[in-house]
């Protein structure tokens, strides 16, 4: 009964907010996992004010003990990537995450980054807390939020693969993400793990969503309602169209499970659901 009520409310919310929109200010870097491309990390540091950057790393999705040794390792890693100051923020207690004393470090941040793991852990720890509130304020003042794998999916409004039992269930027991991009479901590790048809499971339940799947070592650089593909592979778009090579145009799917791919340098307007061609 409780789940049925939740699904009704989620469905109503999606139907009332059918437009897919990004943040009005700031930027997002949403990476598909196994991120190694130094240019992607360099872009994140650049958007986080470079030599004046203060990066907050939130490793909670990993599910491991965030010891002082692990914190030190993350700090060294990010300073090697060019960050000026690095802070590690972690809790599994949403009550702690909802306190000013815990979350206030985000007020000083120029960028926040979510490494991979399981996205439901981030949802359990930070949804509807001061941490989430301050993440939106970070974007409002022009900061950048990034994440890879689980740290990508959590940035959308719908939480694909949010099931606590296994990462193979697309519509699971956690379905709400942070919502930095509205009316979207984001998947990751797509081509590397042969996941390119999995998004249709989400869209069968919530057809108004824009589906995005990102391959490994690849990312979306989101600015407003538009994103650019950066990295080394492809971003897959599920907007009920596909590229017809004979017609040289994007055409409706007419009920068939089809998608299209964008490579590095290509741009896409999420609100208009169109590839940017100029």
C-alpha atoms as a PDB file:
ATOM      1  CA  UNK A   1       0.000   0.000   0.000  1.00  0.00           C
ATOM      2  CA  UNK A   2       2.778   2.435   0.961  1.00  0.00           C
ATOM      3  CA  UNK A   3       4.720   1.666  -2.256  1.00  0.00           C
ATOM      4  CA  UNK A   4       1.575   2.087  -4.361  1.00  0.00           C
ATOM      5  CA  UNK A   5       0.983   5.524  -2.825  1.00  0.00           C
ATOM      6  CA  UNK A   6       4.624   6.483  -3.451  1.00  0.00           C
ATOM      7  CA  UNK A   7       4.399   5.411  -7.109  1.00  0.00           C
ATOM      8  CA  UNK A   8       1.179   7.398  -7.560  1.00  0.00           C
ATOM      9  CA  UNK A   9       2.826  10.543  -6.158  1.00  0.00           C
ATOM     10  CA  UNK A  10       5.938   9.996  -8.299  1.00  0.00           C
ATOM     11  CA  UNK A  11       3.824   9.464 -11.415  1.00  0.00           C
ATOM     12  CA  UNK A  12       1.826  12.622 -10.696  1.00  0.00           C
ATOM     13  CA  UNK A  13       5.036  14.609 -10.177  1.00  0.00           C
ATOM     14  CA  UNK A  14       6.482  13.366 -13.469  1.00  0.00           C
ATOM     15  CA  UNK A  15       3.308  14.180 -15.400  1.00  0.00           C
ATOM     16  CA  UNK A  16       3.274  17.717 -13.992  1.00  0.00           C
ATOM     17  CA  UNK A  17       6.965  18.281 -14.759  1.00  0.00           C
ATOM     18  CA  UNK A  18       7.362  16.685 -18.170  1.00  0.00           C
ATOM     19  CA  UNK A  19      10.021  19.137 -19.316  1.00  0.00           C
ATOM     20  CA  UNK A  20      13.607  18.100 -18.756  1.00  0.00           C
ATOM     21  CA  UNK A  21      15.633  21.011 -17.408  1.00  0.00           C
ATOM     22  CA  UNK A  22      19.100  21.516 -15.981  1.00  0.00           C
ATOM     23  CA  UNK A  23      20.269  23.983 -13.313  1.00  0.00           C
ATOM     24  CA  UNK A  24      19.820  27.684 -14.076  1.00  0.00           C
ATOM     25  CA  UNK A  25      23.318  28.413 -12.755  1.00  0.00           C
ATOM     26  CA  UNK A  26      26.469  26.375 -12.297  1.00  0.00           C
ATOM     27  CA  UNK A  27      27.439  23.182 -14.088  1.00  0.00           C
ATOM     28  CA  UNK A  28      27.188  19.417 -13.757  1.00  0.00           C
ATOM     29  CA  UNK A  29      29.666  16.782 -14.893  1.00  0.00           C
ATOM     30  CA  UNK A  30      27.863  13.449 -15.096  1.00  0.00           C
ATOM     31  CA  UNK A  31      30.218  10.568 -15.917  1.00  0.00           C
ATOM     32  CA  UNK A  32      29.423   6.992 -16.879  1.00  0.00           C
ATOM     33  CA  UNK A  33      31.925   5.226 -14.629  1.00  0.00           C
ATOM     34  CA  UNK A  34      35.560   4.062 -14.910  1.00  0.00           C
ATOM     35  CA  UNK A  35      36.517   7.689 -15.472  1.00  0.00           C
ATOM     36  CA  UNK A  36      40.192   8.061 -16.413  1.00  0.00           C
ATOM     37  CA  UNK A  37      40.260  10.874 -18.963  1.00  0.00           C
ATOM     38  CA  UNK A  38      42.413  13.657 -17.451  1.00  0.00           C
ATOM     39  CA  UNK A  39      40.644  16.251 -19.598  1.00  0.00           C
ATOM     40  CA  UNK A  40      37.338  15.523 -17.832  1.00  0.00           C
ATOM     41  CA  UNK A  41      38.885  15.960 -14.401  1.00  0.00           C
ATOM     42  CA  UNK A  42      40.668  19.093 -15.637  1.00  0.00           C
ATOM     43  CA  UNK A  43      37.351  20.550 -16.795  1.00  0.00           C
ATOM     44  CA  UNK A  44      35.832  19.846 -13.379  1.00  0.00           C
ATOM     45  CA  UNK A  45      38.724  21.611 -11.612  1.00  0.00           C
ATOM     46  CA  UNK A  46      38.512  24.526 -14.068  1.00  0.00           C
ATOM     47  CA  UNK A  47      34.786  24.982 -13.404  1.00  0.00           C
ATOM     48  CA  UNK A  48      35.527  24.801  -9.665  1.00  0.00           C
ATOM     49  CA  UNK A  49      37.820  27.869  -9.937  1.00  0.00           C
ATOM     50  CA  UNK A  50      41.108  26.065 -10.523  1.00  0.00           C
ATOM     51  CA  UNK A  51      43.841  27.387  -8.233  1.00  0.00           C
ATOM     52  CA  UNK A  52      41.166  28.789  -5.912  1.00  0.00           C
ATOM     53  CA  UNK A  53      39.130  25.592  -5.810  1.00  0.00           C
ATOM     54  CA  UNK A  54      37.761  23.910  -2.720  1.00  0.00           C
ATOM     55  CA  UNK A  55      36.496  20.443  -3.649  1.00  0.00           C
ATOM     56  CA  UNK A  56      34.248  18.442  -1.321  1.00  0.00           C
ATOM     57  CA  UNK A  57      34.308  14.704  -2.005  1.00  0.00           C
ATOM     58  CA  UNK A  58      31.294  12.644  -0.866  1.00  0.00           C
ATOM     59  CA  UNK A  59      32.298   8.933  -1.096  1.00  0.00           C
ATOM     60  CA  UNK A  60      29.222   7.488   0.628  1.00  0.00           C
ATOM     61  CA  UNK A  61      28.062   5.456  -2.400  1.00  0.00           C
ATOM     62  CA  UNK A  62      31.099   3.192  -2.017  1.00  0.00           C
ATOM     63  CA  UNK A  63      29.737   1.456   1.057  1.00  0.00           C
ATOM     64  CA  UNK A  64      33.132   1.155   2.744  1.00  0.00           C
ATOM     65  CA  UNK A  65      34.455   2.591   5.998  1.00  0.00           C
ATOM     66  CA  UNK A  66      35.705   6.094   5.292  1.00  0.00           C
ATOM     67  CA  UNK A  67      38.739   5.932   7.542  1.00  0.00           C
ATOM     68  CA  UNK A  68      41.274   8.705   8.040  1.00  0.00           C
ATOM     69  CA  UNK A  69      43.596   6.745   5.754  1.00  0.00           C
ATOM     70  CA  UNK A  70      40.982   6.642   3.012  1.00  0.00           C
ATOM     71  CA  UNK A  71      40.273  10.343   3.437  1.00  0.00           C
ATOM     72  CA  UNK A  72      43.972  11.108   3.121  1.00  0.00           C
ATOM     73  CA  UNK A  73      44.124   9.025  -0.064  1.00  0.00           C
ATOM     74  CA  UNK A  74      41.198  10.910  -1.617  1.00  0.00           C
ATOM     75  CA  UNK A  75      42.741  14.246  -0.687  1.00  0.00           C
ATOM     76  CA  UNK A  76      46.088  13.274  -2.286  1.00  0.00           C
ATOM     77  CA  UNK A  77      44.296  12.013  -5.408  1.00  0.00           C
ATOM     78  CA  UNK A  78      42.355  15.212  -5.946  1.00  0.00           C
ATOM     79  CA  UNK A  79      45.270  17.509  -5.172  1.00  0.00           C
ATOM     80  CA  UNK A  80      47.218  15.596  -7.830  1.00  0.00           C
ATOM     81  CA  UNK A  81      44.389  16.468 -10.240  1.00  0.00           C
ATOM     82  CA  UNK A  82      44.866  20.170  -9.499  1.00  0.00           C
ATOM     83  CA  UNK A  83      42.481  20.895  -6.619  1.00  0.00           C
ATOM     84  CA  UNK A  84      43.685  23.553  -4.206  1.00  0.00           C
ATOM     85  CA  UNK A  85      41.775  22.462  -1.096  1.00  0.00           C
ATOM     86  CA  UNK A  86      39.987  19.135  -0.595  1.00  0.00           C
ATOM     87  CA  UNK A  87      37.537  18.080   2.116  1.00  0.00           C
ATOM     88  CA  UNK A  88      35.952  14.635   2.494  1.00  0.00           C
ATOM     89  CA  UNK A  89      32.340  14.618   3.718  1.00  0.00           C
ATOM     90  CA  UNK A  90      30.665  11.347   4.706  1.00  0.00           C
ATOM     91  CA  UNK A  91      27.845   9.980   6.808  1.00  0.00           C
ATOM     92  CA  UNK A  92      25.245   7.254   6.529  1.00  0.00           C
ATOM     93  CA  UNK A  93      22.955   9.000   9.016  1.00  0.00           C
ATOM     94  CA  UNK A  94      20.437  11.393   7.380  1.00  0.00           C
ATOM     95  CA  UNK A  95      19.870  13.059  10.749  1.00  0.00           C
ATOM     96  CA  UNK A  96      23.539  14.025  10.863  1.00  0.00           C
ATOM     97  CA  UNK A  97      23.412  15.122   7.205  1.00  0.00           C
ATOM     98  CA  UNK A  98      20.539  17.424   8.139  1.00  0.00           C
ATOM     99  CA  UNK A  99      22.599  19.369  10.684  1.00  0.00           C
ATOM    100  CA  UNK A 100      24.231  22.709   9.943  1.00  0.00           C
ATOM    101  CA  UNK A 101      27.470  21.656  11.625  1.00  0.00           C
ATOM    102  CA  UNK A 102      27.879  18.699   9.256  1.00  0.00           C
ATOM    103  CA  UNK A 103      26.747  20.338   6.007  1.00  0.00           C
ATOM    104  CA  UNK A 104      28.238  23.832   6.388  1.00  0.00           C
ATOM    105  CA  UNK A 105      31.503  22.916   4.609  1.00  0.00           C
ATOM    106  CA  UNK A 106      29.521  22.902   1.335  1.00  0.00           C
ATOM    107  CA  UNK A 107      28.991  26.654   1.842  1.00  0.00           C
ATOM    108  CA  UNK A 108      32.738  27.071   1.293  1.00  0.00           C
ATOM    109  CA  UNK A 109      32.966  24.658  -1.643  1.00  0.00           C
ATOM    110  CA  UNK A 110      33.423  25.578  -5.289  1.00  0.00           C
ATOM    111  CA  UNK A 111      32.809  21.989  -6.409  1.00  0.00           C
ATOM    112  CA  UNK A 112      31.392  18.742  -5.029  1.00  0.00           C
ATOM    113  CA  UNK A 113      32.164  15.286  -6.425  1.00  0.00           C
ATOM    114  CA  UNK A 114      30.409  11.939  -5.887  1.00  0.00           C
ATOM    115  CA  UNK A 115      32.547   8.838  -6.644  1.00  0.00           C
ATOM    116  CA  UNK A 116      30.901   5.536  -7.589  1.00  0.00           C
ATOM    117  CA  UNK A 117      29.275   2.693  -5.678  1.00  0.00           C
ATOM    118  CA  UNK A 118      25.531   2.246  -5.175  1.00  0.00           C
ATOM    119  CA  UNK A 119      23.328   5.275  -5.682  1.00  0.00           C
ATOM    120  CA  UNK A 120      20.716   4.255  -3.107  1.00  0.00           C
ATOM    121  CA  UNK A 121      23.307   4.825  -0.365  1.00  0.00           C
ATOM    122  CA  UNK A 122      23.514   8.472  -1.380  1.00  0.00           C
ATOM    123  CA  UNK A 123      19.717   8.709  -1.449  1.00  0.00           C
ATOM    124  CA  UNK A 124      19.390   7.158   2.017  1.00  0.00           C
ATOM    125  CA  UNK A 125      22.001   9.480   3.504  1.00  0.00           C
ATOM    126  CA  UNK A 126      21.359  12.848   1.869  1.00  0.00           C
ATOM    127  CA  UNK A 127      17.914  13.255   0.297  1.00  0.00           C
ATOM    128  CA  UNK A 128      15.790  15.944   1.994  1.00  0.00           C
ATOM    129  CA  UNK A 129      18.669  17.095   4.206  1.00  0.00           C
ATOM    130  CA  UNK A 130      20.736  20.243   4.570  1.00  0.00           C
ATOM    131  CA  UNK A 131      23.390  18.577   2.409  1.00  0.00           C
ATOM    132  CA  UNK A 132      20.987  18.414  -0.530  1.00  0.00           C
ATOM    133  CA  UNK A 133      19.778  21.948   0.165  1.00  0.00           C
ATOM    134  CA  UNK A 134      23.340  23.276   0.142  1.00  0.00           C
ATOM    135  CA  UNK A 135      24.179  21.395  -3.043  1.00  0.00           C
ATOM    136  CA  UNK A 136      21.446  23.332  -4.841  1.00  0.00           C
ATOM    137  CA  UNK A 137      22.795  26.559  -3.336  1.00  0.00           C
ATOM    138  CA  UNK A 138      26.260  25.640  -4.626  1.00  0.00           C
ATOM    139  CA  UNK A 139      24.824  25.485  -8.142  1.00  0.00           C
ATOM    140  CA  UNK A 140      22.939  28.761  -7.614  1.00  0.00           C
ATOM    141  CA  UNK A 141      26.216  30.558  -6.899  1.00  0.00           C
ATOM    142  CA  UNK A 142      27.854  29.106 -10.005  1.00  0.00           C
ATOM    143  CA  UNK A 143      29.640  26.050  -8.611  1.00  0.00           C
ATOM    144  CA  UNK A 144      30.018  22.631 -10.172  1.00  0.00           C
ATOM    145  CA  UNK A 145      28.762  19.199  -9.078  1.00  0.00           C
ATOM    146  CA  UNK A 146      30.307  16.096 -10.595  1.00  0.00           C
ATOM    147  CA  UNK A 147      30.058  12.378 -10.165  1.00  0.00           C
ATOM    148  CA  UNK A 148      30.795   9.074 -11.832  1.00  0.00           C
ATOM    149  CA  UNK A 149      28.746   5.855 -11.997  1.00  0.00           C
ATOM    150  CA  UNK A 150      26.468   6.023  -8.922  1.00  0.00           C
ATOM    151  CA  UNK A 151      27.577   9.645  -8.649  1.00  0.00           C
ATOM    152  CA  UNK A 152      26.088  10.213 -12.108  1.00  0.00           C
ATOM    153  CA  UNK A 153      22.726   8.538 -11.596  1.00  0.00           C
ATOM    154  CA  UNK A 154      22.080  10.328  -8.291  1.00  0.00           C
ATOM    155  CA  UNK A 155      22.171  13.680 -10.123  1.00  0.00           C
ATOM    156  CA  UNK A 156      18.977  12.916 -12.043  1.00  0.00           C
ATOM    157  CA  UNK A 157      15.436  13.170 -10.729  1.00  0.00           C
ATOM    158  CA  UNK A 158      14.647   9.465 -11.254  1.00  0.00           C
ATOM    159  CA  UNK A 159      17.006   6.951  -9.608  1.00  0.00           C
ATOM    160  CA  UNK A 160      17.633   4.175 -12.124  1.00  0.00           C
ATOM    161  CA  UNK A 161      19.152   0.973 -10.655  1.00  0.00           C
ATOM    162  CA  UNK A 162      18.184   2.195  -7.210  1.00  0.00           C
ATOM    163  CA  UNK A 163      17.346  -1.259  -5.845  1.00  0.00           C
ATOM    164  CA  UNK A 164      19.125  -2.281  -2.636  1.00  0.00           C
ATOM    165  CA  UNK A 165      19.227  -5.976  -3.584  1.00  0.00           C
ATOM    166  CA  UNK A 166      21.077  -5.769  -6.903  1.00  0.00           C
ATOM    167  CA  UNK A 167      22.243  -3.269  -9.505  1.00  0.00           C
ATOM    168  CA  UNK A 168      20.464  -5.154 -12.292  1.00  0.00           C
ATOM    169  CA  UNK A 169      16.972  -3.936 -11.312  1.00  0.00           C
ATOM    170  CA  UNK A 170      16.191  -0.712 -13.164  1.00  0.00           C
ATOM    171  CA  UNK A 171      12.961   0.158 -11.311  1.00  0.00           C
ATOM    172  CA  UNK A 172      13.782  -0.710  -7.728  1.00  0.00           C
ATOM    173  CA  UNK A 173      12.986   0.169  -4.131  1.00  0.00           C
ATOM    174  CA  UNK A 174      14.624   3.624  -4.420  1.00  0.00           C
ATOM    175  CA  UNK A 175      13.342   5.813  -7.254  1.00  0.00           C
ATOM    176  CA  UNK A 176      14.175   9.409  -6.325  1.00  0.00           C
ATOM    177  CA  UNK A 177      17.467  11.136  -7.087  1.00  0.00           C
ATOM    178  CA  UNK A 178      18.872  14.539  -6.155  1.00  0.00           C
ATOM    179  CA  UNK A 179      17.123  16.203  -9.103  1.00  0.00           C
ATOM    180  CA  UNK A 180      19.881  18.537 -10.315  1.00  0.00           C
ATOM    181  CA  UNK A 181      18.415  17.688 -13.730  1.00  0.00           C
ATOM    182  CA  UNK A 182      14.614  17.427 -13.691  1.00  0.00           C
ATOM    183  CA  UNK A 183      12.510  14.768 -15.449  1.00  0.00           C
ATOM    184  CA  UNK A 184      15.419  12.511 -16.368  1.00  0.00           C
ATOM    185  CA  UNK A 185      16.752   9.027 -15.676  1.00  0.00           C
ATOM    186  CA  UNK A 186      20.515   8.497 -15.985  1.00  0.00           C
ATOM    187  CA  UNK A 187      22.265   5.135 -16.398  1.00  0.00           C
ATOM    188  CA  UNK A 188      25.981   4.377 -16.596  1.00  0.00           C
ATOM    189  CA  UNK A 189      28.657   1.825 -17.712  1.00  0.00           C
ATOM    190  CA  UNK A 190      26.366   1.420 -20.703  1.00  0.00           C
ATOM    191  CA  UNK A 191      28.235  -0.055 -23.661  1.00  0.00           C
ATOM    192  CA  UNK A 192      30.970  -1.589 -21.504  1.00  0.00           C
ATOM    193  CA  UNK A 193      28.346  -3.687 -19.662  1.00  0.00           C
ATOM    194  CA  UNK A 194      25.909  -4.203 -22.558  1.00  0.00           C
ATOM    195  CA  UNK A 195      23.229  -2.107 -20.846  1.00  0.00           C
ATOM    196  CA  UNK A 196      22.024  -0.194 -23.895  1.00  0.00           C
ATOM    197  CA  UNK A 197      18.481  -1.629 -23.823  1.00  0.00           C
ATOM    198  CA  UNK A 198      17.992  -1.482 -20.034  1.00  0.00           C
ATOM    199  CA  UNK A 199      16.663   2.086 -20.025  1.00  0.00           C
ATOM    200  CA  UNK A 200      13.486   0.948 -21.793  1.00  0.00           C
ATOM    201  CA  UNK A 201      12.435  -0.754 -18.518  1.00  0.00           C
ATOM    202  CA  UNK A 202      12.311   2.645 -16.808  1.00  0.00           C
ATOM    203  CA  UNK A 203      10.618   4.343 -19.752  1.00  0.00           C
ATOM    204  CA  UNK A 204       7.921   1.648 -19.855  1.00  0.00           C
ATOM    205  CA  UNK A 205       6.935   2.773 -16.342  1.00  0.00           C
ATOM    206  CA  UNK A 206       7.594   6.500 -16.806  1.00  0.00           C
ATOM    207  CA  UNK A 207       7.384   7.374 -20.518  1.00  0.00           C
ATOM    208  CA  UNK A 208       7.641  11.138 -19.964  1.00  0.00           C
ATOM    209  CA  UNK A 209      11.190  10.858 -18.664  1.00  0.00           C
ATOM    210  CA  UNK A 210      14.175  11.628 -20.854  1.00  0.00           C
ATOM    211  CA  UNK A 211      16.453   8.596 -20.731  1.00  0.00           C
ATOM    212  CA  UNK A 212      20.228   9.070 -20.818  1.00  0.00           C
ATOM    213  CA  UNK A 213      22.827   6.305 -20.651  1.00  0.00           C
ATOM    214  CA  UNK A 214      26.524   7.109 -20.473  1.00  0.00           C
ATOM    215  CA  UNK A 215      29.364   4.790 -21.402  1.00  0.00           C
ATOM    216  CA  UNK A 216      32.528   4.448 -19.326  1.00  0.00           C
ATOM    217  CA  UNK A 217      35.231   7.139 -19.423  1.00  0.00           C
ATOM    218  CA  UNK A 218      32.658   9.562 -20.855  1.00  0.00           C
ATOM    219  CA  UNK A 219      30.614  12.391 -19.362  1.00  0.00           C
ATOM    220  CA  UNK A 220      27.897  14.961 -19.941  1.00  0.00           C
ATOM    221  CA  UNK A 221      28.928  18.534 -19.234  1.00  0.00           C
ATOM    222  CA  UNK A 222      25.597  20.142 -18.335  1.00  0.00           C
ATOM    223  CA  UNK A 223      25.170  23.902 -18.664  1.00  0.00           C
ATOM    224  CA  UNK A 224      21.586  25.008 -18.237  1.00  0.00           C
ATOM    225  CA  UNK A 225      19.302  22.810 -20.336  1.00  0.00           C
ATOM    226  CA  UNK A 226      22.075  21.717 -22.724  1.00  0.00           C
ATOM    227  CA  UNK A 227      24.859  19.193 -22.346  1.00  0.00           C
ATOM    228  CA  UNK A 228      28.048  18.524 -24.294  1.00  0.00           C
ATOM    229  CA  UNK A 229      29.627  15.075 -24.536  1.00  0.00           C
ATOM    230  CA  UNK A 230      33.176  14.986 -23.170  1.00  0.00           C
ATOM    231  CA  UNK A 231      35.477  12.012 -22.681  1.00  0.00           C
ATOM    232  CA  UNK A 232      36.219   9.055 -24.891  1.00  0.00           C
ATOM    233  CA  UNK A 233      33.030   7.154 -25.783  1.00  0.00           C
ATOM    234  CA  UNK A 234      29.297   7.771 -26.270  1.00  0.00           C
ATOM    235  CA  UNK A 235      26.195   9.122 -24.556  1.00  0.00           C
ATOM    236  CA  UNK A 236      22.974   7.308 -25.537  1.00  0.00           C
ATOM    237  CA  UNK A 237      19.745   9.308 -25.841  1.00  0.00           C
ATOM    238  CA  UNK A 238      16.286   7.796 -25.317  1.00  0.00           C
ATOM    239  CA  UNK A 239      13.899  10.506 -26.540  1.00  0.00           C
ATOM    240  CA  UNK A 240      11.622   8.350 -28.721  1.00  0.00           C
ATOM    241  CA  UNK A 241      13.609   9.158 -31.874  1.00  0.00           C
ATOM    242  CA  UNK A 242      16.464   7.576 -33.804  1.00  0.00           C
ATOM    243  CA  UNK A 243      18.707   8.608 -36.670  1.00  0.00           C
ATOM    244  CA  UNK A 244      17.442   7.430 -40.042  1.00  0.00           C
ATOM    245  CA  UNK A 245      20.492   7.158 -42.263  1.00  0.00           C
ATOM    246  CA  UNK A 246      18.453   7.063 -45.484  1.00  0.00           C
ATOM    247  CA  UNK A 247      16.517  10.216 -44.618  1.00  0.00           C
ATOM    248  CA  UNK A 248      19.459  11.915 -42.947  1.00  0.00           C
ATOM    249  CA  UNK A 249      17.243  12.974 -40.075  1.00  0.00           C
ATOM    250  CA  UNK A 250      15.983  12.024 -36.629  1.00  0.00           C
ATOM    251  CA  UNK A 251      12.630  10.249 -36.966  1.00  0.00           C
ATOM    252  CA  UNK A 252      10.027   8.896 -34.480  1.00  0.00           C
ATOM    253  CA  UNK A 253      10.522   5.395 -33.095  1.00  0.00           C
ATOM    254  CA  UNK A 254       6.867   4.395 -33.603  1.00  0.00           C
ATOM    255  CA  UNK A 255       6.879   2.054 -30.631  1.00  0.00           C
ATOM    256  CA  UNK A 256      10.213   0.389 -31.384  1.00  0.00           C
ATOM    257  CA  UNK A 257      13.027   0.254 -28.815  1.00  0.00           C
ATOM    258  CA  UNK A 258      15.516   2.544 -30.509  1.00  0.00           C
ATOM    259  CA  UNK A 259      17.930   5.224 -29.327  1.00  0.00           C
ATOM    260  CA  UNK A 260      20.686   7.372 -30.740  1.00  0.00           C
ATOM    261  CA  UNK A 261      24.291   8.029 -29.726  1.00  0.00           C
ATOM    262  CA  UNK A 262      26.326  11.205 -29.413  1.00  0.00           C
ATOM    263  CA  UNK A 263      30.092  11.309 -29.432  1.00  0.00           C
ATOM    264  CA  UNK A 264      32.613  13.749 -27.960  1.00  0.00           C
ATOM    265  CA  UNK A 265      31.898  17.367 -28.835  1.00  0.00           C
ATOM    266  CA  UNK A 266      28.224  16.873 -29.739  1.00  0.00           C
ATOM    267  CA  UNK A 267      25.566  18.826 -27.845  1.00  0.00           C
ATOM    268  CA  UNK A 268      21.983  18.101 -26.876  1.00  0.00           C
ATOM    269  CA  UNK A 269      19.169  20.366 -25.657  1.00  0.00           C
ATOM    270  CA  UNK A 270      17.334  18.382 -22.979  1.00  0.00           C
ATOM    271  CA  UNK A 271      14.381  20.766 -22.723  1.00  0.00           C
ATOM    272  CA  UNK A 272      13.703  20.728 -26.469  1.00  0.00           C
ATOM    273  CA  UNK A 273      14.868  17.104 -26.783  1.00  0.00           C
ATOM    274  CA  UNK A 274      16.909  17.900 -29.860  1.00  0.00           C
ATOM    275  CA  UNK A 275      20.514  17.460 -30.930  1.00  0.00           C
ATOM    276  CA  UNK A 276      22.150  20.870 -31.245  1.00  0.00           C
ATOM    277  CA  UNK A 277      23.289  21.140 -34.866  1.00  0.00           C
ATOM    278  CA  UNK A 278      24.917  24.579 -34.994  1.00  0.00           C
END
